[in-house]
Amino acid sequence: MHSSKPVLLGIAAFCIALIGAALYLQIVEHMLPCPLCVLQRYAFIAIAIFCLIGAAMPRGTRRISIGLATASALAGIGVAIKHLYVLANPGLSCGIDPLETGLNKIFLASWWPTLFRADGLCETPYAPILGLSIPAWSMIGFVLVGLTLVFLFFHREKTGMFGKHR
């Protein structure tokens, strides 16, 4: 691989597509996002933003953005694990709690409520998609993106003639 730029752009497109799928489920299928869903949306958006910034940066400085995108993927994995735990233990809830109240007071929740407002309950068992819950699919997405980013972080890009980056 000569450049990480196409991979970073691909990851950003993948994350944006997942946000689009989440909006489809919310608007068309009437699946309200819970606080943990909204936190996962923030993580996917952060990954996309850091990947786009990294793709725009010179090769030598891309590792900073790749590292921040990787940290966002790890945060997303943590939130997805918590969401899967709540689904596995129906007695637990993250419904109307300080997390929801806090998330809904962030300026983005009032600026773009369709994307960032948490109105659902985490323990709502929506119909599985291909046998997996939505948080399980989210976890798969975070893991795939995270592994790709870790590879990019430790991968050395090839340089051109005279040691300059192409």
N, C-alpha and C. Protein backbone atom coordinates (compact mmCIF):
# COMPACT_ATOMS: atom_id res chain seq x y z
N MET A 1 0.85 -1.17 0.00
CA MET A 1 0.00 0.00 0.00
C MET A 1 0.90 1.24 0.00
N HIS A 2 0.65 2.12 -0.94
CA HIS A 2 1.48 3.31 -1.05
C HIS A 2 0.97 4.46 -0.21
N SER A 3 -0.34 4.54 0.00
CA SER A 3 -0.90 5.67 0.72
C SER A 3 -2.08 5.22 1.57
N SER A 4 -2.19 5.83 2.74
CA SER A 4 -3.32 5.54 3.62
C SER A 4 -4.53 6.41 3.29
N LYS A 5 -4.35 7.39 2.41
CA LYS A 5 -5.43 8.32 2.10
C LYS A 5 -6.70 7.62 1.60
N PRO A 6 -6.63 6.69 0.61
CA PRO A 6 -7.85 6.03 0.16
C PRO A 6 -8.53 5.21 1.26
N VAL A 7 -7.73 4.62 2.12
CA VAL A 7 -8.29 3.82 3.22
C VAL A 7 -9.01 4.74 4.20
N LEU A 8 -8.41 5.86 4.52
CA LEU A 8 -9.06 6.82 5.43
C LEU A 8 -10.36 7.35 4.84
N LEU A 9 -10.35 7.63 3.54
CA LEU A 9 -11.58 8.09 2.89
C LEU A 9 -12.64 6.99 2.88
N GLY A 10 -12.21 5.75 2.70
CA GLY A 10 -13.15 4.62 2.74
C GLY A 10 -13.77 4.43 4.12
N ILE A 11 -12.95 4.57 5.15
CA ILE A 11 -13.46 4.45 6.52
C ILE A 11 -14.46 5.57 6.80
N ALA A 12 -14.13 6.79 6.38
CA ALA A 12 -15.05 7.92 6.58
C ALA A 12 -16.37 7.66 5.86
N ALA A 13 -16.31 7.17 4.64
CA ALA A 13 -17.54 6.87 3.88
C ALA A 13 -18.34 5.77 4.56
N PHE A 14 -17.67 4.76 5.08
CA PHE A 14 -18.33 3.66 5.79
C PHE A 14 -19.07 4.20 7.03
N CYS A 15 -18.40 5.05 7.80
CA CYS A 15 -19.02 5.61 9.01
C CYS A 15 -20.20 6.50 8.66
N ILE A 16 -20.07 7.29 7.61
CA ILE A 16 -21.18 8.14 7.19
C ILE A 16 -22.35 7.29 6.71
N ALA A 17 -22.06 6.19 6.02
CA ALA A 17 -23.12 5.27 5.57
C ALA A 17 -23.84 4.66 6.77
N LEU A 18 -23.10 4.32 7.82
CA LEU A 18 -23.73 3.77 9.03
C LEU A 18 -24.63 4.80 9.71
N ILE A 19 -24.22 6.05 9.70
CA ILE A 19 -25.08 7.11 10.25
C ILE A 19 -26.34 7.23 9.39
N GLY A 20 -26.19 7.12 8.09
CA GLY A 20 -27.35 7.12 7.20
C GLY A 20 -28.29 5.97 7.49
N ALA A 21 -27.74 4.78 7.74
CA ALA A 21 -28.56 3.62 8.09
C ALA A 21 -29.29 3.85 9.41
N ALA A 22 -28.60 4.46 10.37
CA ALA A 22 -29.24 4.76 11.66
C ALA A 22 -30.40 5.74 11.47
N LEU A 23 -30.20 6.73 10.63
CA LEU A 23 -31.28 7.69 10.37
C LEU A 23 -32.45 7.02 9.65
N TYR A 24 -32.15 6.10 8.74
CA TYR A 24 -33.22 5.34 8.07
C TYR A 24 -34.04 4.57 9.10
N LEU A 25 -33.35 3.84 9.99
CA LEU A 25 -34.06 3.06 11.02
C LEU A 25 -34.89 3.97 11.92
N GLN A 26 -34.38 5.16 12.20
CA GLN A 26 -35.09 6.08 13.07
C GLN A 26 -36.29 6.70 12.37
N ILE A 27 -36.09 7.21 11.18
CA ILE A 27 -37.15 7.98 10.49
C ILE A 27 -38.16 7.06 9.82
N VAL A 28 -37.70 6.04 9.11
CA VAL A 28 -38.61 5.19 8.35
C VAL A 28 -39.17 4.05 9.19
N GLU A 29 -38.32 3.42 9.98
CA GLU A 29 -38.74 2.27 10.79
C GLU A 29 -39.20 2.67 12.19
N HIS A 30 -39.11 3.94 12.52
CA HIS A 30 -39.57 4.49 13.81
C HIS A 30 -38.88 3.85 15.02
N MET A 31 -37.57 3.63 14.90
CA MET A 31 -36.77 3.12 16.01
C MET A 31 -36.08 4.31 16.67
N LEU A 32 -36.58 4.75 17.81
CA LEU A 32 -36.01 5.91 18.48
C LEU A 32 -34.65 5.57 19.08
N PRO A 33 -33.66 6.45 18.91
CA PRO A 33 -32.34 6.18 19.48
C PRO A 33 -32.32 6.43 20.98
N CYS A 34 -31.65 5.54 21.69
CA CYS A 34 -31.46 5.70 23.13
C CYS A 34 -30.16 6.48 23.37
N PRO A 35 -29.84 6.81 24.62
CA PRO A 35 -28.60 7.53 24.88
C PRO A 35 -27.35 6.79 24.40
N LEU A 36 -27.34 5.46 24.55
CA LEU A 36 -26.18 4.71 24.10
C LEU A 36 -26.08 4.70 22.57
N CYS A 37 -27.22 4.69 21.90
CA CYS A 37 -27.23 4.78 20.43
C CYS A 37 -26.63 6.12 19.98
N VAL A 38 -27.03 7.18 20.66
CA VAL A 38 -26.55 8.51 20.30
C VAL A 38 -25.04 8.61 20.55
N LEU A 39 -24.55 8.04 21.65
CA LEU A 39 -23.11 8.04 21.90
C LEU A 39 -22.36 7.28 20.81
N GLN A 40 -22.94 6.18 20.32
CA GLN A 40 -22.31 5.44 19.23
C GLN A 40 -22.31 6.28 17.95
N ARG A 41 -23.38 7.05 17.72
CA ARG A 41 -23.40 7.95 16.57
C ARG A 41 -22.28 8.97 16.67
N TYR A 42 -22.10 9.56 17.86
CA TYR A 42 -21.01 10.51 18.06
C TYR A 42 -19.66 9.85 17.73
N ALA A 43 -19.47 8.61 18.16
CA ALA A 43 -18.20 7.93 17.91
C ALA A 43 -17.98 7.71 16.41
N PHE A 44 -19.01 7.27 15.69
CA PHE A 44 -18.87 7.07 14.25
C PHE A 44 -18.59 8.40 13.54
N ILE A 45 -19.26 9.46 13.97
CA ILE A 45 -19.03 10.77 13.36
C ILE A 45 -17.61 11.25 13.66
N ALA A 46 -17.14 11.05 14.89
CA ALA A 46 -15.77 11.44 15.24
C ALA A 46 -14.76 10.67 14.39
N ILE A 47 -14.98 9.38 14.21
CA ILE A 47 -14.08 8.58 13.36
C ILE A 47 -14.05 9.17 11.95
N ALA A 48 -15.24 9.45 11.40
CA ALA A 48 -15.31 10.00 10.03
C ALA A 48 -14.57 11.33 9.94
N ILE A 49 -14.78 12.20 10.91
CA ILE A 49 -14.13 13.52 10.88
C ILE A 49 -12.62 13.38 10.96
N PHE A 50 -12.13 12.55 11.90
CA PHE A 50 -10.68 12.38 12.03
C PHE A 50 -10.07 11.73 10.79
N CYS A 51 -10.80 10.80 10.17
CA CYS A 51 -10.29 10.17 8.95
C CYS A 51 -10.25 11.18 7.79
N LEU A 52 -11.25 12.03 7.69
CA LEU A 52 -11.25 13.05 6.64
C LEU A 52 -10.12 14.05 6.86
N ILE A 53 -9.91 14.43 8.10
CA ILE A 53 -8.79 15.34 8.41
C ILE A 53 -7.47 14.66 8.07
N GLY A 54 -7.34 13.40 8.46
CA GLY A 54 -6.11 12.65 8.17
C GLY A 54 -5.86 12.52 6.69
N ALA A 55 -6.90 12.30 5.91
CA ALA A 55 -6.74 12.17 4.46
C ALA A 55 -6.30 13.50 3.84
N ALA A 56 -6.66 14.61 4.46
CA ALA A 56 -6.29 15.92 3.94
C ALA A 56 -4.89 16.36 4.40
N MET A 57 -4.34 15.68 5.40
CA MET A 57 -3.05 16.07 5.95
C MET A 57 -1.91 15.44 5.16
N PRO A 58 -0.71 16.02 5.26
CA PRO A 58 0.45 15.38 4.65
C PRO A 58 0.72 14.03 5.32
N ARG A 59 1.33 13.14 4.58
CA ARG A 59 1.55 11.77 5.08
C ARG A 59 2.22 11.71 6.44
N GLY A 60 3.19 12.53 6.66
CA GLY A 60 3.94 12.47 7.90
C GLY A 60 3.13 12.81 9.14
N THR A 61 2.05 13.52 8.97
CA THR A 61 1.25 13.94 10.12
C THR A 61 -0.08 13.20 10.24
N ARG A 62 -0.33 12.23 9.37
CA ARG A 62 -1.60 11.50 9.40
C ARG A 62 -1.77 10.65 10.65
N ARG A 63 -0.67 10.24 11.23
CA ARG A 63 -0.76 9.35 12.40
C ARG A 63 -1.52 10.00 13.55
N ILE A 64 -1.48 11.30 13.66
CA ILE A 64 -2.22 11.99 14.73
C ILE A 64 -3.71 11.76 14.54
N SER A 65 -4.20 12.01 13.35
CA SER A 65 -5.63 11.80 13.07
C SER A 65 -6.01 10.33 13.16
N ILE A 66 -5.13 9.47 12.69
CA ILE A 66 -5.41 8.02 12.77
C ILE A 66 -5.50 7.60 14.23
N GLY A 67 -4.62 8.13 15.07
CA GLY A 67 -4.67 7.83 16.51
C GLY A 67 -5.96 8.32 17.15
N LEU A 68 -6.40 9.51 16.78
CA LEU A 68 -7.65 10.05 17.34
C LEU A 68 -8.86 9.25 16.84
N ALA A 69 -8.82 8.84 15.57
CA ALA A 69 -9.91 8.00 15.03
C ALA A 69 -9.93 6.65 15.73
N THR A 70 -8.75 6.10 16.01
CA THR A 70 -8.67 4.82 16.73
C THR A 70 -9.23 4.96 18.15
N ALA A 71 -8.90 6.06 18.81
CA ALA A 71 -9.45 6.30 20.16
C ALA A 71 -10.97 6.41 20.10
N SER A 72 -11.50 7.03 19.06
CA SER A 72 -12.95 7.13 18.90
C SER A 72 -13.57 5.75 18.67
N ALA A 73 -12.89 4.91 17.90
CA ALA A 73 -13.38 3.54 17.68
C ALA A 73 -13.38 2.75 18.99
N LEU A 74 -12.34 2.92 19.79
CA LEU A 74 -12.29 2.23 21.08
C LEU A 74 -13.41 2.72 22.01
N ALA A 75 -13.68 4.01 21.99
CA ALA A 75 -14.80 4.54 22.79
C ALA A 75 -16.12 3.95 22.30
N GLY A 76 -16.28 3.85 20.99
CA GLY A 76 -17.48 3.25 20.43
C GLY A 76 -17.63 1.80 20.82
N ILE A 77 -16.53 1.07 20.84
CA ILE A 77 -16.57 -0.34 21.28
C ILE A 77 -17.04 -0.42 22.72
N GLY A 78 -16.53 0.46 23.57
CA GLY A 78 -16.95 0.48 24.97
C GLY A 78 -18.43 0.75 25.13
N VAL A 79 -18.95 1.71 24.37
CA VAL A 79 -20.38 2.03 24.45
C VAL A 79 -21.21 0.86 23.91
N ALA A 80 -20.76 0.26 22.81
CA ALA A 80 -21.50 -0.88 22.24
C ALA A 80 -21.52 -2.06 23.22
N ILE A 81 -20.42 -2.29 23.94
CA ILE A 81 -20.39 -3.36 24.95
C ILE A 81 -21.41 -3.07 26.04
N LYS A 82 -21.45 -1.83 26.51
CA LYS A 82 -22.43 -1.45 27.52
C LYS A 82 -23.86 -1.67 27.00
N HIS A 83 -24.11 -1.30 25.75
CA HIS A 83 -25.44 -1.46 25.16
C HIS A 83 -25.81 -2.94 25.06
N LEU A 84 -24.88 -3.77 24.64
CA LEU A 84 -25.14 -5.21 24.56
C LEU A 84 -25.39 -5.79 25.95
N TYR A 85 -24.70 -5.27 26.96
CA TYR A 85 -24.91 -5.72 28.34
C TYR A 85 -26.31 -5.37 28.81
N VAL A 86 -26.77 -4.16 28.49
CA VAL A 86 -28.12 -3.73 28.87
C VAL A 86 -29.15 -4.62 28.19
N LEU A 87 -28.94 -4.94 26.91
CA LEU A 87 -29.88 -5.81 26.20
C LEU A 87 -29.89 -7.23 26.77
N ALA A 88 -28.74 -7.70 27.23
CA ALA A 88 -28.64 -9.04 27.79
C ALA A 88 -29.21 -9.13 29.20
N ASN A 89 -29.37 -8.00 29.86
CA ASN A 89 -29.90 -7.94 31.22
C ASN A 89 -31.10 -7.01 31.24
N PRO A 90 -32.29 -7.54 30.90
CA PRO A 90 -33.47 -6.69 30.75
C PRO A 90 -33.86 -5.88 31.99
N GLY A 91 -33.38 -6.25 33.15
CA GLY A 91 -33.69 -5.49 34.36
C GLY A 91 -32.99 -4.14 34.39
N LEU A 92 -31.93 -4.00 33.61
CA LEU A 92 -31.18 -2.75 33.56
C LEU A 92 -31.84 -1.79 32.58
N SER A 93 -31.58 -0.54 32.77
CA SER A 93 -32.11 0.46 31.86
C SER A 93 -31.15 1.63 31.80
N CYS A 94 -31.17 2.29 30.66
CA CYS A 94 -30.43 3.55 30.56
C CYS A 94 -31.41 4.63 30.11
N GLY A 95 -32.67 4.37 30.28
CA GLY A 95 -33.75 5.24 29.81
C GLY A 95 -33.62 6.66 30.27
N ILE A 96 -34.57 7.15 31.01
CA ILE A 96 -34.54 8.54 31.46
C ILE A 96 -33.60 8.60 32.65
N ASP A 97 -32.41 9.00 32.38
CA ASP A 97 -31.38 9.08 33.41
C ASP A 97 -30.50 10.29 33.12
N PRO A 98 -29.53 10.54 33.96
CA PRO A 98 -28.66 11.70 33.74
C PRO A 98 -27.95 11.67 32.38
N LEU A 99 -27.63 10.47 31.88
CA LEU A 99 -26.97 10.37 30.58
C LEU A 99 -27.86 10.95 29.48
N GLU A 100 -29.14 10.57 29.49
CA GLU A 100 -30.06 11.08 28.47
C GLU A 100 -30.24 12.58 28.62
N THR A 101 -30.44 13.04 29.84
CA THR A 101 -30.63 14.47 30.09
C THR A 101 -29.41 15.26 29.63
N GLY A 102 -28.23 14.77 29.98
CA GLY A 102 -27.00 15.45 29.58
C GLY A 102 -26.81 15.48 28.07
N LEU A 103 -27.04 14.35 27.42
CA LEU A 103 -26.90 14.29 25.97
C LEU A 103 -27.86 15.24 25.27
N ASN A 104 -29.08 15.31 25.77
CA ASN A 104 -30.08 16.15 25.13
C ASN A 104 -29.87 17.64 25.39
N LYS A 105 -28.94 17.99 26.29
CA LYS A 105 -28.63 19.39 26.55
C LYS A 105 -27.42 19.87 25.74
N ILE A 106 -26.73 18.95 25.09
CA ILE A 106 -25.61 19.34 24.22
C ILE A 106 -26.18 20.12 23.03
N PHE A 107 -25.51 21.15 22.61
CA PHE A 107 -26.05 22.01 21.56
C PHE A 107 -26.39 21.25 20.29
N LEU A 108 -25.68 20.17 20.00
CA LEU A 108 -25.97 19.40 18.79
C LEU A 108 -27.36 18.76 18.84
N ALA A 109 -27.83 18.41 20.04
CA ALA A 109 -29.16 17.80 20.18
C ALA A 109 -30.26 18.79 19.83
N SER A 110 -30.03 20.07 20.07
CA SER A 110 -31.04 21.06 19.68
C SER A 110 -30.80 21.56 18.25
N TRP A 111 -29.54 21.52 17.80
CA TRP A 111 -29.20 21.94 16.46
C TRP A 111 -29.70 20.94 15.42
N TRP A 112 -29.52 19.64 15.69
CA TRP A 112 -29.96 18.59 14.77
C TRP A 112 -30.56 17.45 15.59
N PRO A 113 -31.77 17.65 16.11
CA PRO A 113 -32.38 16.67 17.02
C PRO A 113 -32.61 15.29 16.38
N THR A 114 -32.87 15.25 15.09
CA THR A 114 -33.10 13.95 14.44
C THR A 114 -31.89 13.05 14.61
N LEU A 115 -30.71 13.61 14.57
CA LEU A 115 -29.49 12.80 14.66
C LEU A 115 -28.99 12.65 16.09
N PHE A 116 -29.13 13.67 16.92
CA PHE A 116 -28.44 13.68 18.21
C PHE A 116 -29.34 13.66 19.44
N ARG A 117 -30.64 13.63 19.29
CA ARG A 117 -31.52 13.61 20.47
C ARG A 117 -31.83 12.18 20.86
N ALA A 118 -31.65 11.87 22.13
CA ALA A 118 -31.90 10.53 22.66
C ALA A 118 -33.32 10.48 23.23
N ASP A 119 -34.20 9.73 22.56
CA ASP A 119 -35.59 9.62 23.00
C ASP A 119 -36.03 8.18 23.26
N GLY A 120 -35.21 7.22 22.92
CA GLY A 120 -35.58 5.81 23.07
C GLY A 120 -35.05 5.20 24.35
N LEU A 121 -35.38 3.94 24.54
CA LEU A 121 -34.90 3.18 25.70
C LEU A 121 -33.90 2.14 25.23
N CYS A 122 -32.79 2.01 25.95
CA CYS A 122 -31.72 1.11 25.53
C CYS A 122 -32.15 -0.35 25.55
N GLU A 123 -33.08 -0.68 26.42
CA GLU A 123 -33.49 -2.08 26.53
C GLU A 123 -34.58 -2.48 25.55
N THR A 124 -35.01 -1.57 24.66
CA THR A 124 -36.02 -1.91 23.66
C THR A 124 -35.45 -2.94 22.70
N PRO A 125 -36.07 -4.13 22.64
CA PRO A 125 -35.54 -5.18 21.77
C PRO A 125 -36.10 -5.08 20.35
N TYR A 126 -35.52 -4.21 19.53
CA TYR A 126 -35.96 -4.10 18.15
C TYR A 126 -35.65 -5.40 17.42
N ALA A 127 -36.39 -5.65 16.35
CA ALA A 127 -36.20 -6.87 15.58
C ALA A 127 -34.76 -6.96 15.09
N PRO A 128 -34.15 -8.14 15.24
CA PRO A 128 -32.76 -8.28 14.79
C PRO A 128 -32.64 -8.15 13.27
N ILE A 129 -31.50 -7.71 12.83
CA ILE A 129 -31.19 -7.60 11.41
C ILE A 129 -30.19 -8.72 11.10
N LEU A 130 -30.60 -9.66 10.26
CA LEU A 130 -29.78 -10.83 9.95
C LEU A 130 -29.34 -11.56 11.21
N GLY A 131 -30.22 -11.59 12.19
CA GLY A 131 -29.97 -12.34 13.42
C GLY A 131 -29.22 -11.60 14.50
N LEU A 132 -28.75 -10.38 14.23
CA LEU A 132 -27.98 -9.63 15.22
C LEU A 132 -28.71 -8.34 15.59
N SER A 133 -28.55 -7.93 16.84
CA SER A 133 -29.15 -6.67 17.28
C SER A 133 -28.38 -5.50 16.67
N ILE A 134 -29.00 -4.34 16.71
CA ILE A 134 -28.35 -3.14 16.17
C ILE A 134 -27.04 -2.83 16.91
N PRO A 135 -27.00 -2.93 18.26
CA PRO A 135 -25.70 -2.70 18.93
C PRO A 135 -24.64 -3.73 18.54
N ALA A 136 -25.05 -4.96 18.23
CA ALA A 136 -24.07 -5.97 17.78
C ALA A 136 -23.49 -5.57 16.43
N TRP A 137 -24.33 -5.09 15.53
CA TRP A 137 -23.83 -4.61 14.24
C TRP A 137 -22.91 -3.41 14.44
N SER A 138 -23.28 -2.54 15.35
CA SER A 138 -22.45 -1.39 15.65
C SER A 138 -21.08 -1.83 16.17
N MET A 139 -21.09 -2.82 17.05
CA MET A 139 -19.84 -3.36 17.59
C MET A 139 -18.96 -3.92 16.46
N ILE A 140 -19.57 -4.65 15.54
CA ILE A 140 -18.81 -5.20 14.41
C ILE A 140 -18.19 -4.06 13.60
N GLY A 141 -18.97 -3.01 13.36
CA GLY A 141 -18.44 -1.86 12.63
C GLY A 141 -17.28 -1.21 13.35
N PHE A 142 -17.41 -0.99 14.65
CA PHE A 142 -16.32 -0.38 15.42
C PHE A 142 -15.07 -1.26 15.41
N VAL A 143 -15.24 -2.56 15.56
CA VAL A 143 -14.09 -3.46 15.58
C VAL A 143 -13.38 -3.47 14.23
N LEU A 144 -14.14 -3.57 13.13
CA LEU A 144 -13.53 -3.57 11.80
C LEU A 144 -12.78 -2.27 11.54
N VAL A 145 -13.42 -1.15 11.85
CA VAL A 145 -12.78 0.15 11.65
C VAL A 145 -11.56 0.28 12.56
N GLY A 146 -11.71 -0.12 13.83
CA GLY A 146 -10.60 -0.02 14.78
C GLY A 146 -9.39 -0.83 14.36
N LEU A 147 -9.62 -2.07 13.91
CA LEU A 147 -8.50 -2.91 13.46
C LEU A 147 -7.82 -2.30 12.24
N THR A 148 -8.60 -1.77 11.31
CA THR A 148 -8.02 -1.13 10.13
C THR A 148 -7.19 0.08 10.53
N LEU A 149 -7.70 0.87 11.47
CA LEU A 149 -6.97 2.05 11.91
C LEU A 149 -5.69 1.69 12.65
N VAL A 150 -5.74 0.64 13.46
CA VAL A 150 -4.52 0.20 14.15
C VAL A 150 -3.47 -0.22 13.13
N PHE A 151 -3.91 -0.96 12.10
CA PHE A 151 -2.97 -1.35 11.04
C PHE A 151 -2.37 -0.10 10.38
N LEU A 152 -3.21 0.87 10.05
CA LEU A 152 -2.70 2.10 9.43
C LEU A 152 -1.75 2.85 10.35
N PHE A 153 -2.06 2.86 11.64
CA PHE A 153 -1.22 3.58 12.60
C PHE A 153 0.20 3.03 12.61
N PHE A 154 0.33 1.70 12.53
CA PHE A 154 1.65 1.09 12.61
C PHE A 154 2.28 0.82 11.26
N HIS A 155 1.54 1.08 10.19
CA HIS A 155 2.05 0.85 8.84
C HIS A 155 2.86 2.05 8.38
N ARG A 156 4.00 1.77 7.78
CA ARG A 156 4.82 2.85 7.24
C ARG A 156 4.49 3.02 5.78
N GLU A 157 4.17 4.25 5.41
CA GLU A 157 3.87 4.53 4.01
C GLU A 157 5.18 4.62 3.25
N LYS A 158 5.16 4.13 2.02
CA LYS A 158 6.36 4.13 1.19
C LYS A 158 6.67 5.54 0.74
N THR A 159 7.93 5.81 0.64
CA THR A 159 8.36 7.13 0.19
C THR A 159 8.85 7.04 -1.25
N GLY A 160 8.89 8.18 -1.88
CA GLY A 160 9.32 8.24 -3.28
C GLY A 160 10.82 8.46 -3.38
N MET A 161 11.24 8.90 -4.55
CA MET A 161 12.64 9.13 -4.83
C MET A 161 13.20 10.20 -3.89
N PHE A 162 14.42 10.05 -3.46
CA PHE A 162 15.11 10.98 -2.59
C PHE A 162 14.49 11.08 -1.20
N GLY A 163 13.73 10.05 -0.78
CA GLY A 163 13.20 10.00 0.56
C GLY A 163 11.98 10.87 0.80
N LYS A 164 11.51 11.52 -0.27
CA LYS A 164 10.32 12.37 -0.11
C LYS A 164 9.07 11.52 -0.22
N HIS A 165 8.05 11.94 0.50
CA HIS A 165 6.76 11.24 0.42
C HIS A 165 6.11 11.57 -0.92
N ARG A 166 5.53 10.54 -1.51
CA ARG A 166 4.82 10.77 -2.78
C ARG A 166 3.47 11.35 -2.54
